[in-house]
mmCIF file of all heavy atoms, coordinates in Angstrom:
data_MODEL
# 
_entry.id   MODEL 
# 
loop_
_atom_site.group_PDB 
_atom_site.id 
_atom_site.type_symbol 
_atom_site.label_atom_id 
_atom_site.label_alt_id 
_atom_site.label_comp_id 
_atom_site.label_asym_id 
_atom_site.label_entity_id 
_atom_site.label_seq_id 
_atom_site.pdbx_PDB_ins_code 
_atom_site.Cartn_x 
_atom_site.Cartn_y 
_atom_site.Cartn_z 
_atom_site.occupancy 
_atom_site.B_iso_or_equiv 
_atom_site.pdbx_formal_charge 
_atom_site.auth_seq_id 
_atom_site.auth_comp_id 
_atom_site.auth_asym_id 
_atom_site.auth_atom_id 
_atom_site.pdbx_PDB_model_num 
ATOM 1   N N   . ILE A 1 1  ? 17.397 12.934  63.243 1.00 0.00 ? 1  ILE A N   1 
ATOM 2   C CA  . ILE A 1 1  ? 18.380 11.880  62.949 1.00 0.00 ? 1  ILE A CA  1 
ATOM 3   C C   . ILE A 1 1  ? 19.055 11.425  64.242 1.00 0.00 ? 1  ILE A C   1 
ATOM 4   O O   . ILE A 1 1  ? 19.198 10.221  64.492 1.00 0.00 ? 1  ILE A O   1 
ATOM 5   C CB  . ILE A 1 1  ? 19.405 12.360  61.905 1.00 0.00 ? 1  ILE A CB  1 
ATOM 6   C CG1 . ILE A 1 1  ? 18.699 12.668  60.575 1.00 0.00 ? 1  ILE A CG1 1 
ATOM 7   C CG2 . ILE A 1 1  ? 20.506 11.323  61.709 1.00 0.00 ? 1  ILE A CG2 1 
ATOM 8   C CD1 . ILE A 1 1  ? 19.545 13.414  59.576 1.00 0.00 ? 1  ILE A CD1 1 
ATOM 9   N N   . ASN A 1 2  ? 19.446 12.382  65.082 1.00 0.00 ? 2  ASN A N   1 
ATOM 10  C CA  . ASN A 1 2  ? 20.084 12.038  66.357 1.00 0.00 ? 2  ASN A CA  1 
ATOM 11  C C   . ASN A 1 2  ? 19.145 11.215  67.242 1.00 0.00 ? 2  ASN A C   1 
ATOM 12  O O   . ASN A 1 2  ? 19.597 10.341  67.990 1.00 0.00 ? 2  ASN A O   1 
ATOM 13  C CB  . ASN A 1 2  ? 20.522 13.292  67.106 1.00 0.00 ? 2  ASN A CB  1 
ATOM 14  C CG  . ASN A 1 2  ? 21.700 13.990  66.450 1.00 0.00 ? 2  ASN A CG  1 
ATOM 15  O OD1 . ASN A 1 2  ? 22.313 13.477  65.518 1.00 0.00 ? 2  ASN A OD1 1 
ATOM 16  N ND2 . ASN A 1 2  ? 22.007 15.172  66.921 1.00 0.00 ? 2  ASN A ND2 1 
ATOM 17  N N   . ASN A 1 3  ? 17.838 11.470  67.150 1.00 0.00 ? 3  ASN A N   1 
ATOM 18  C CA  . ASN A 1 3  ? 16.862 10.740  67.969 1.00 0.00 ? 3  ASN A CA  1 
ATOM 19  C C   . ASN A 1 3  ? 16.806 9.254   67.630 1.00 0.00 ? 3  ASN A C   1 
ATOM 20  O O   . ASN A 1 3  ? 16.378 8.448   68.463 1.00 0.00 ? 3  ASN A O   1 
ATOM 21  C CB  . ASN A 1 3  ? 15.470 11.364  67.851 1.00 0.00 ? 3  ASN A CB  1 
ATOM 22  C CG  . ASN A 1 3  ? 15.337 12.607  68.710 1.00 0.00 ? 3  ASN A CG  1 
ATOM 23  O OD1 . ASN A 1 3  ? 16.081 12.805  69.670 1.00 0.00 ? 3  ASN A OD1 1 
ATOM 24  N ND2 . ASN A 1 3  ? 14.392 13.457  68.360 1.00 0.00 ? 3  ASN A ND2 1 
ATOM 25  N N   . ILE A 1 4  ? 17.223 8.877   66.434 1.00 0.00 ? 4  ILE A N   1 
ATOM 26  C CA  . ILE A 1 4  ? 17.270 7.451   66.081 1.00 0.00 ? 4  ILE A CA  1 
ATOM 27  C C   . ILE A 1 4  ? 18.174 6.706   67.063 1.00 0.00 ? 4  ILE A C   1 
ATOM 28  O O   . ILE A 1 4  ? 17.922 5.548   67.399 1.00 0.00 ? 4  ILE A O   1 
ATOM 29  C CB  . ILE A 1 4  ? 17.739 7.241   64.621 1.00 0.00 ? 4  ILE A CB  1 
ATOM 30  C CG1 . ILE A 1 4  ? 16.694 7.799   63.645 1.00 0.00 ? 4  ILE A CG1 1 
ATOM 31  C CG2 . ILE A 1 4  ? 17.987 5.766   64.328 1.00 0.00 ? 4  ILE A CG2 1 
ATOM 32  C CD1 . ILE A 1 4  ? 17.116 7.771   62.197 1.00 0.00 ? 4  ILE A CD1 1 
ATOM 33  N N   . CYS A 1 5  ? 19.211 7.383   67.556 1.00 0.00 ? 5  CYS A N   1 
ATOM 34  C CA  . CYS A 1 5  ? 20.135 6.760   68.512 1.00 0.00 ? 5  CYS A CA  1 
ATOM 35  C C   . CYS A 1 5  ? 19.443 6.380   69.820 1.00 0.00 ? 5  CYS A C   1 
ATOM 36  O O   . CYS A 1 5  ? 19.982 5.586   70.584 1.00 0.00 ? 5  CYS A O   1 
ATOM 37  C CB  . CYS A 1 5  ? 21.316 7.690   68.802 1.00 0.00 ? 5  CYS A CB  1 
ATOM 38  S SG  . CYS A 1 5  ? 22.392 7.973   67.382 1.00 0.00 ? 5  CYS A SG  1 
ATOM 39  N N   . ARG A 1 6  ? 18.261 6.910   70.067 1.00 0.00 ? 6  ARG A N   1 
ATOM 40  C CA  . ARG A 1 6  ? 17.512 6.582   71.287 1.00 0.00 ? 6  ARG A CA  1 
ATOM 41  C C   . ARG A 1 6  ? 16.641 5.343   71.100 1.00 0.00 ? 6  ARG A C   1 
ATOM 42  O O   . ARG A 1 6  ? 16.082 4.840   72.074 1.00 0.00 ? 6  ARG A O   1 
ATOM 43  C CB  . ARG A 1 6  ? 16.636 7.767   71.696 1.00 0.00 ? 6  ARG A CB  1 
ATOM 44  C CG  . ARG A 1 6  ? 17.436 8.984   72.089 1.00 0.00 ? 6  ARG A CG  1 
ATOM 45  C CD  . ARG A 1 6  ? 16.537 10.096  72.553 1.00 0.00 ? 6  ARG A CD  1 
ATOM 46  N NE  . ARG A 1 6  ? 17.332 11.274  72.867 1.00 0.00 ? 6  ARG A NE  1 
ATOM 47  C CZ  . ARG A 1 6  ? 16.854 12.492  72.840 1.00 0.00 ? 6  ARG A CZ  1 
ATOM 48  N NH1 . ARG A 1 6  ? 15.595 12.719  72.534 1.00 0.00 ? 6  ARG A NH1 1 
ATOM 49  N NH2 . ARG A 1 6  ? 17.627 13.512  73.130 1.00 0.00 ? 6  ARG A NH2 1 
ATOM 50  N N   . HIS A 1 7  ? 16.506 4.872   69.860 1.00 0.00 ? 7  HIS A N   1 
ATOM 51  C CA  . HIS A 1 7  ? 15.728 3.660   69.610 1.00 0.00 ? 7  HIS A CA  1 
ATOM 52  C C   . HIS A 1 7  ? 16.479 2.448   70.155 1.00 0.00 ? 7  HIS A C   1 
ATOM 53  O O   . HIS A 1 7  ? 17.665 2.521   70.441 1.00 0.00 ? 7  HIS A O   1 
ATOM 54  C CB  . HIS A 1 7  ? 15.461 3.492   68.110 1.00 0.00 ? 7  HIS A CB  1 
ATOM 55  C CG  . HIS A 1 7  ? 14.600 4.564   67.527 1.00 0.00 ? 7  HIS A CG  1 
ATOM 56  N ND1 . HIS A 1 7  ? 14.069 4.482   66.271 1.00 0.00 ? 7  HIS A ND1 1 
ATOM 57  C CD2 . HIS A 1 7  ? 14.154 5.760   68.015 1.00 0.00 ? 7  HIS A CD2 1 
ATOM 58  C CE1 . HIS A 1 7  ? 13.353 5.559   66.006 1.00 0.00 ? 7  HIS A CE1 1 
ATOM 59  N NE2 . HIS A 1 7  ? 13.404 6.345   67.057 1.00 0.00 ? 7  HIS A NE2 1 
ATOM 60  N N   . SER A 1 8  ? 15.786 1.337   70.255 1.00 0.00 ? 8  SER A N   1 
ATOM 61  C CA  . SER A 1 8  ? 16.392 0.102   70.780 1.00 0.00 ? 8  SER A CA  1 
ATOM 62  C C   . SER A 1 8  ? 17.631 -0.292  69.996 1.00 0.00 ? 8  SER A C   1 
ATOM 63  O O   . SER A 1 8  ? 17.685 -0.115  68.776 1.00 0.00 ? 8  SER A O   1 
ATOM 64  C CB  . SER A 1 8  ? 15.384 -1.049  70.701 1.00 0.00 ? 8  SER A CB  1 
ATOM 65  O OG  . SER A 1 8  ? 14.244 -0.743  71.450 1.00 0.00 ? 8  SER A OG  1 
ATOM 66  N N   . ASP A 1 9  ? 18.607 -0.863  70.718 1.00 0.00 ? 9  ASP A N   1 
ATOM 67  C CA  . ASP A 1 9  ? 19.826 -1.366  70.077 1.00 0.00 ? 9  ASP A CA  1 
ATOM 68  C C   . ASP A 1 9  ? 19.486 -2.557  69.184 1.00 0.00 ? 9  ASP A C   1 
ATOM 69  O O   . ASP A 1 9  ? 18.676 -3.408  69.554 1.00 0.00 ? 9  ASP A O   1 
ATOM 70  C CB  . ASP A 1 9  ? 20.838 -1.857  71.128 1.00 0.00 ? 9  ASP A CB  1 
ATOM 71  C CG  . ASP A 1 9  ? 21.430 -0.727  71.948 1.00 0.00 ? 9  ASP A CG  1 
ATOM 72  O OD1 . ASP A 1 9  ? 21.251 0.437   71.585 1.00 0.00 ? 9  ASP A OD1 1 
ATOM 73  O OD2 . ASP A 1 9  ? 22.084 -1.036  72.969 1.00 0.00 ? 9  ASP A OD2 1 
ATOM 74  N N   . ILE A 1 10 ? 20.108 -2.587  68.015 1.00 0.00 ? 10 ILE A N   1 
ATOM 75  C CA  . ILE A 1 10 ? 20.047 -3.753  67.145 1.00 0.00 ? 10 ILE A CA  1 
ATOM 76  C C   . ILE A 1 10 ? 21.464 -4.085  66.705 1.00 0.00 ? 10 ILE A C   1 
ATOM 77  O O   . ILE A 1 10 ? 22.369 -3.257  66.814 1.00 0.00 ? 10 ILE A O   1 
ATOM 78  C CB  . ILE A 1 10 ? 19.115 -3.554  65.920 1.00 0.00 ? 10 ILE A CB  1 
ATOM 79  C CG1 . ILE A 1 10 ? 19.619 -2.411  65.036 1.00 0.00 ? 10 ILE A CG1 1 
ATOM 80  C CG2 . ILE A 1 10 ? 17.681 -3.320  66.361 1.00 0.00 ? 10 ILE A CG2 1 
ATOM 81  C CD1 . ILE A 1 10 ? 18.856 -2.285  63.712 1.00 0.00 ? 10 ILE A CD1 1 
ATOM 82  N N   . ARG A 1 11 ? 21.670 -5.275  66.193 1.00 0.00 ? 11 ARG A N   1 
ATOM 83  C CA  . ARG A 1 11 ? 23.000 -5.716  65.771 1.00 0.00 ? 11 ARG A CA  1 
ATOM 84  C C   . ARG A 1 11 ? 23.372 -5.060  64.432 1.00 0.00 ? 11 ARG A C   1 
ATOM 85  O O   . ARG A 1 11 ? 22.614 -5.087  63.482 1.00 0.00 ? 11 ARG A O   1 
ATOM 86  C CB  . ARG A 1 11 ? 23.040 -7.239  65.639 1.00 0.00 ? 11 ARG A CB  1 
ATOM 87  C CG  . ARG A 1 11 ? 24.441 -7.784  65.398 1.00 0.00 ? 11 ARG A CG  1 
ATOM 88  C CD  . ARG A 1 11 ? 24.501 -9.296  65.489 1.00 0.00 ? 11 ARG A CD  1 
ATOM 89  N NE  . ARG A 1 11 ? 23.923 -9.836  66.702 1.00 0.00 ? 11 ARG A NE  1 
ATOM 90  C CZ  . ARG A 1 11 ? 24.537 -9.886  67.890 1.00 0.00 ? 11 ARG A CZ  1 
ATOM 91  N NH1 . ARG A 1 11 ? 25.750 -9.409  68.017 1.00 0.00 ? 11 ARG A NH1 1 
ATOM 92  N NH2 . ARG A 1 11 ? 23.931 -10.410 68.935 1.00 0.00 ? 11 ARG A NH2 1 
ATOM 93  N N   . CYS A 1 12 ? 24.572 -4.490  64.392 1.00 0.00 ? 12 CYS A N   1 
ATOM 94  C CA  . CYS A 1 12 ? 25.120 -3.905  63.155 1.00 0.00 ? 12 CYS A CA  1 
ATOM 95  C C   . CYS A 1 12 ? 25.664 -5.023  62.268 1.00 0.00 ? 12 CYS A C   1 
ATOM 96  O O   . CYS A 1 12 ? 25.852 -6.155  62.714 1.00 0.00 ? 12 CYS A O   1 
ATOM 97  C CB  . CYS A 1 12 ? 26.265 -2.946  63.482 1.00 0.00 ? 12 CYS A CB  1 
ATOM 98  S SG  . CYS A 1 12 ? 25.846 -1.570  64.557 1.00 0.00 ? 12 CYS A SG  1 
ATOM 99  N N   . LYS A 1 13 ? 25.976 -4.686  61.025 1.00 0.00 ? 13 LYS A N   1 
ATOM 100 C CA  . LYS A 1 13 ? 26.564 -5.658  60.098 1.00 0.00 ? 13 LYS A CA  1 
ATOM 101 C C   . LYS A 1 13 ? 27.897 -6.196  60.618 1.00 0.00 ? 13 LYS A C   1 
ATOM 102 O O   . LYS A 1 13 ? 28.268 -7.318  60.317 1.00 0.00 ? 13 LYS A O   1 
ATOM 103 C CB  . LYS A 1 13 ? 26.765 -5.028  58.719 1.00 0.00 ? 13 LYS A CB  1 
ATOM 104 C CG  . LYS A 1 13 ? 25.473 -4.744  57.987 1.00 0.00 ? 13 LYS A CG  1 
ATOM 105 C CD  . LYS A 1 13 ? 25.742 -4.036  56.667 1.00 0.00 ? 13 LYS A CD  1 
ATOM 106 C CE  . LYS A 1 13 ? 24.444 -3.629  55.997 1.00 0.00 ? 13 LYS A CE  1 
ATOM 107 N NZ  . LYS A 1 13 ? 24.688 -2.791  54.809 1.00 0.00 ? 13 LYS A NZ  1 
ATOM 108 N N   . ASN A 1 14 ? 28.622 -5.376  61.410 1.00 0.00 ? 14 ASN A N   1 
ATOM 109 C CA  . ASN A 1 14 ? 29.917 -5.827  61.937 1.00 0.00 ? 14 ASN A CA  1 
ATOM 110 C C   . ASN A 1 14 ? 29.779 -6.636  63.230 1.00 0.00 ? 14 ASN A C   1 
ATOM 111 O O   . ASN A 1 14 ? 30.775 -7.017  63.835 1.00 0.00 ? 14 ASN A O   1 
ATOM 112 C CB  . ASN A 1 14 ? 30.852 -4.630  62.168 1.00 0.00 ? 14 ASN A CB  1 
ATOM 113 C CG  . ASN A 1 14 ? 30.370 -3.695  63.263 1.00 0.00 ? 14 ASN A CG  1 
ATOM 114 O OD1 . ASN A 1 14 ? 29.377 -3.950  63.956 1.00 0.00 ? 14 ASN A OD1 1 
ATOM 115 N ND2 . ASN A 1 14 ? 31.066 -2.585  63.417 1.00 0.00 ? 14 ASN A ND2 1 
ATOM 116 N N   . GLY A 1 15 ? 28.532 -6.880  63.664 1.00 0.00 ? 15 GLY A N   1 
ATOM 117 C CA  . GLY A 1 15 ? 28.290 -7.695  64.844 1.00 0.00 ? 15 GLY A CA  1 
ATOM 118 C C   . GLY A 1 15 ? 28.126 -6.916  66.134 1.00 0.00 ? 15 GLY A C   1 
ATOM 119 O O   . GLY A 1 15 ? 27.679 -7.461  67.136 1.00 0.00 ? 15 GLY A O   1 
ATOM 120 N N   . LYS A 1 16 ? 28.501 -5.649  66.149 1.00 0.00 ? 16 LYS A N   1 
ATOM 121 C CA  . LYS A 1 16 ? 28.363 -4.840  67.363 1.00 0.00 ? 16 LYS A CA  1 
ATOM 122 C C   . LYS A 1 16 ? 26.892 -4.516  67.611 1.00 0.00 ? 16 LYS A C   1 
ATOM 123 O O   . LYS A 1 16 ? 26.084 -4.478  66.682 1.00 0.00 ? 16 LYS A O   1 
ATOM 124 C CB  . LYS A 1 16 ? 29.177 -3.551  67.253 1.00 0.00 ? 16 LYS A CB  1 
ATOM 125 C CG  . LYS A 1 16 ? 30.673 -3.786  67.222 1.00 0.00 ? 16 LYS A CG  1 
ATOM 126 C CD  . LYS A 1 16 ? 31.421 -2.469  67.174 1.00 0.00 ? 16 LYS A CD  1 
ATOM 127 C CE  . LYS A 1 16 ? 32.919 -2.688  67.143 1.00 0.00 ? 16 LYS A CE  1 
ATOM 128 N NZ  . LYS A 1 16 ? 33.650 -1.425  67.058 1.00 0.00 ? 16 LYS A NZ  1 
ATOM 129 N N   . MET A 1 17 ? 26.560 -4.240  68.847 1.00 0.00 ? 17 MET A N   1 
ATOM 130 C CA  . MET A 1 17 ? 25.172 -3.936  69.231 1.00 0.00 ? 17 MET A CA  1 
ATOM 131 C C   . MET A 1 17 ? 24.968 -2.439  69.463 1.00 0.00 ? 17 MET A C   1 
ATOM 132 O O   . MET A 1 17 ? 24.363 -2.024  70.442 1.00 0.00 ? 17 MET A O   1 
ATOM 133 C CB  . MET A 1 17 ? 24.798 -4.717  70.495 1.00 0.00 ? 17 MET A CB  1 
ATOM 134 C CG  . MET A 1 17 ? 24.589 -6.194  70.283 1.00 0.00 ? 17 MET A CG  1 
ATOM 135 S SD  . MET A 1 17 ? 23.231 -6.594  69.160 1.00 0.00 ? 17 MET A SD  1 
ATOM 136 C CE  . MET A 1 17 ? 21.817 -6.063  70.104 1.00 0.00 ? 17 MET A CE  1 
ATOM 137 N N   . ASN A 1 18 ? 25.477 -1.614  68.557 1.00 0.00 ? 18 ASN A N   1 
ATOM 138 C CA  . ASN A 1 18 ? 25.302 -0.171  68.729 1.00 0.00 ? 18 ASN A CA  1 
ATOM 139 C C   . ASN A 1 18 ? 24.557 0.465   67.557 1.00 0.00 ? 18 ASN A C   1 
ATOM 140 O O   . ASN A 1 18 ? 24.655 1.659   67.320 1.00 0.00 ? 18 ASN A O   1 
ATOM 141 C CB  . ASN A 1 18 ? 26.652 0.522   68.950 1.00 0.00 ? 18 ASN A CB  1 
ATOM 142 C CG  . ASN A 1 18 ? 27.566 0.460   67.744 1.00 0.00 ? 18 ASN A CG  1 
ATOM 143 O OD1 . ASN A 1 18 ? 27.618 -0.536  67.031 1.00 0.00 ? 18 ASN A OD1 1 
ATOM 144 N ND2 . ASN A 1 18 ? 28.303 1.526   67.512 1.00 0.00 ? 18 ASN A ND2 1 
ATOM 145 N N   . CYS A 1 19 ? 23.771 -0.330  66.833 1.00 0.00 ? 19 CYS A N   1 
ATOM 146 C CA  . CYS A 1 19 ? 22.981 0.211   65.731 1.00 0.00 ? 19 CYS A CA  1 
ATOM 147 C C   . CYS A 1 19 ? 21.543 0.451   66.181 1.00 0.00 ? 19 CYS A C   1 
ATOM 148 O O   . CYS A 1 19 ? 21.067 -0.155  67.140 1.00 0.00 ? 19 CYS A O   1 
ATOM 149 C CB  . CYS A 1 19 ? 23.019 -0.729  64.523 1.00 0.00 ? 19 CYS A CB  1 
ATOM 150 S SG  . CYS A 1 19 ? 24.511 -0.508  63.526 1.00 0.00 ? 19 CYS A SG  1 
ATOM 151 N N   . HIS A 1 20 ? 20.887 1.338   65.448 1.00 0.00 ? 20 HIS A N   1 
ATOM 152 C CA  . HIS A 1 20 ? 19.521 1.741   65.763 1.00 0.00 ? 20 HIS A CA  1 
ATOM 153 C C   . HIS A 1 20 ? 18.792 1.969   64.439 1.00 0.00 ? 20 HIS A C   1 
ATOM 154 O O   . HIS A 1 20 ? 19.407 2.379   63.452 1.00 0.00 ? 20 HIS A O   1 
ATOM 155 C CB  . HIS A 1 20 ? 19.527 3.024   66.591 1.00 0.00 ? 20 HIS A CB  1 
ATOM 156 C CG  . HIS A 1 20 ? 20.423 2.929   67.789 1.00 0.00 ? 20 HIS A CG  1 
ATOM 157 N ND1 . HIS A 1 20 ? 19.976 2.519   69.006 1.00 0.00 ? 20 HIS A ND1 1 
ATOM 158 C CD2 . HIS A 1 20 ? 21.754 3.149   67.928 1.00 0.00 ? 20 HIS A CD2 1 
ATOM 159 C CE1 . HIS A 1 20 ? 20.978 2.509   69.863 1.00 0.00 ? 20 HIS A CE1 1 
ATOM 160 N NE2 . HIS A 1 20 ? 22.082 2.879   69.224 1.00 0.00 ? 20 HIS A NE2 1 
ATOM 161 N N   . LYS A 1 21 ? 17.473 1.717   64.436 1.00 0.00 ? 21 LYS A N   1 
ATOM 162 C CA  . LYS A 1 21 ? 16.693 1.791   63.199 1.00 0.00 ? 21 LYS A CA  1 
ATOM 163 C C   . LYS A 1 21 ? 15.573 2.806   63.355 1.00 0.00 ? 21 LYS A C   1 
ATOM 164 O O   . LYS A 1 21 ? 14.925 2.866   64.404 1.00 0.00 ? 21 LYS A O   1 
ATOM 165 C CB  . LYS A 1 21 ? 16.122 0.411   62.885 1.00 0.00 ? 21 LYS A CB  1 
ATOM 166 C CG  . LYS A 1 21 ? 15.268 0.362   61.636 1.00 0.00 ? 21 LYS A CG  1 
ATOM 167 C CD  . LYS A 1 21 ? 14.984 -1.047  61.162 1.00 0.00 ? 21 LYS A CD  1 
ATOM 168 C CE  . LYS A 1 21 ? 14.194 -1.872  62.133 1.00 0.00 ? 21 LYS A CE  1 
ATOM 169 N NZ  . LYS A 1 21 ? 13.736 -3.149  61.551 1.00 0.00 ? 21 LYS A NZ  1 
ATOM 170 N N   . GLY A 1 22 ? 15.348 3.581   62.293 1.00 0.00 ? 22 GLY A N   1 
ATOM 171 C CA  . GLY A 1 22 ? 14.256 4.544   62.302 1.00 0.00 ? 22 GLY A CA  1 
ATOM 172 C C   . GLY A 1 22 ? 13.864 4.933   60.893 1.00 0.00 ? 22 GLY A C   1 
ATOM 173 O O   . GLY A 1 22 ? 14.685 4.889   59.973 1.00 0.00 ? 22 GLY A O   1 
ATOM 174 N N   . GLY A 1 23 ? 12.613 5.311   60.710 1.00 0.00 ? 23 GLY A N   1 
ATOM 175 C CA  . GLY A 1 23 ? 12.102 5.704   59.398 1.00 0.00 ? 23 GLY A CA  1 
ATOM 176 C C   . GLY A 1 23 ? 12.515 7.117   59.029 1.00 0.00 ? 23 GLY A C   1 
ATOM 177 O O   . GLY A 1 23 ? 12.393 8.038   59.838 1.00 0.00 ? 23 GLY A O   1 
ATOM 178 N N   . MET A 1 24 ? 13.001 7.287   57.789 1.00 0.00 ? 24 MET A N   1 
ATOM 179 C CA  . MET A 1 24 ? 13.452 8.597   57.288 1.00 0.00 ? 24 MET A CA  1 
ATOM 180 C C   . MET A 1 24 ? 13.184 8.699   55.785 1.00 0.00 ? 24 MET A C   1 
ATOM 181 O O   . MET A 1 24 ? 13.066 7.691   55.095 1.00 0.00 ? 24 MET A O   1 
ATOM 182 C CB  . MET A 1 24 ? 14.962 8.769   57.496 1.00 0.00 ? 24 MET A CB  1 
ATOM 183 C CG  . MET A 1 24 ? 15.405 8.891   58.922 1.00 0.00 ? 24 MET A CG  1 
ATOM 184 S SD  . MET A 1 24 ? 15.163 10.571  59.518 1.00 0.00 ? 24 MET A SD  1 
ATOM 185 C CE  . MET A 1 24 ? 14.612 10.251  61.165 1.00 0.00 ? 24 MET A CE  1 
ATOM 186 N N   . ARG A 1 25 ? 13.142 9.934   55.306 1.00 0.00 ? 25 ARG A N   1 
ATOM 187 C CA  . ARG A 1 25 ? 13.103 10.187  53.868 1.00 0.00 ? 25 ARG A CA  1 
ATOM 188 C C   . ARG A 1 25 ? 14.541 10.247  53.401 1.00 0.00 ? 25 ARG A C   1 
ATOM 189 O O   . ARG A 1 25 ? 15.369 10.945  54.009 1.00 0.00 ? 25 ARG A O   1 
ATOM 190 C CB  . ARG A 1 25 ? 12.396 11.504  53.611 1.00 0.00 ? 25 ARG A CB  1 
ATOM 191 C CG  . ARG A 1 25 ? 12.002 11.691  52.174 1.00 0.00 ? 25 ARG A CG  1 
ATOM 192 C CD  . ARG A 1 25 ? 11.057 12.846  52.019 1.00 0.00 ? 25 ARG A CD  1 
ATOM 193 N NE  . ARG A 1 25 ? 11.222 13.680  50.864 1.00 0.00 ? 25 ARG A NE  1 
ATOM 194 C CZ  . ARG A 1 25 ? 11.826 13.405  49.736 1.00 0.00 ? 25 ARG A CZ  1 
ATOM 195 N NH1 . ARG A 1 25 ? 12.409 12.273  49.585 1.00 0.00 ? 25 ARG A NH1 1 
ATOM 196 N NH2 . ARG A 1 25 ? 11.876 14.240  48.742 1.00 0.00 ? 25 ARG A NH2 1 
ATOM 197 N N   . VAL A 1 26 ? 14.870 9.502   52.324 1.00 0.00 ? 26 VAL A N   1 
ATOM 198 C CA  . VAL A 1 26 ? 16.264 9.381   51.877 1.00 0.00 ? 26 VAL A CA  1 
ATOM 199 C C   . VAL A 1 26 ? 16.373 9.485   50.359 1.00 0.00 ? 26 VAL A C   1 
ATOM 200 O O   . VAL A 1 26 ? 15.390 9.314   49.632 1.00 0.00 ? 26 VAL A O   1 
ATOM 201 C CB  . VAL A 1 26 ? 16.892 8.031   52.325 1.00 0.00 ? 26 VAL A CB  1 
ATOM 202 C CG1 . VAL A 1 26 ? 16.878 7.897   53.835 1.00 0.00 ? 26 VAL A CG1 1 
ATOM 203 C CG2 . VAL A 1 26 ? 16.198 6.850   51.667 1.00 0.00 ? 26 VAL A CG2 1 
# 
């Protein structure tokens, strides 16, 4: 889960650029 933070930055719903996307079982 922590490794997702190493993926490329993407825009969050609040407009900030500190979100990251990764595949997980949920």
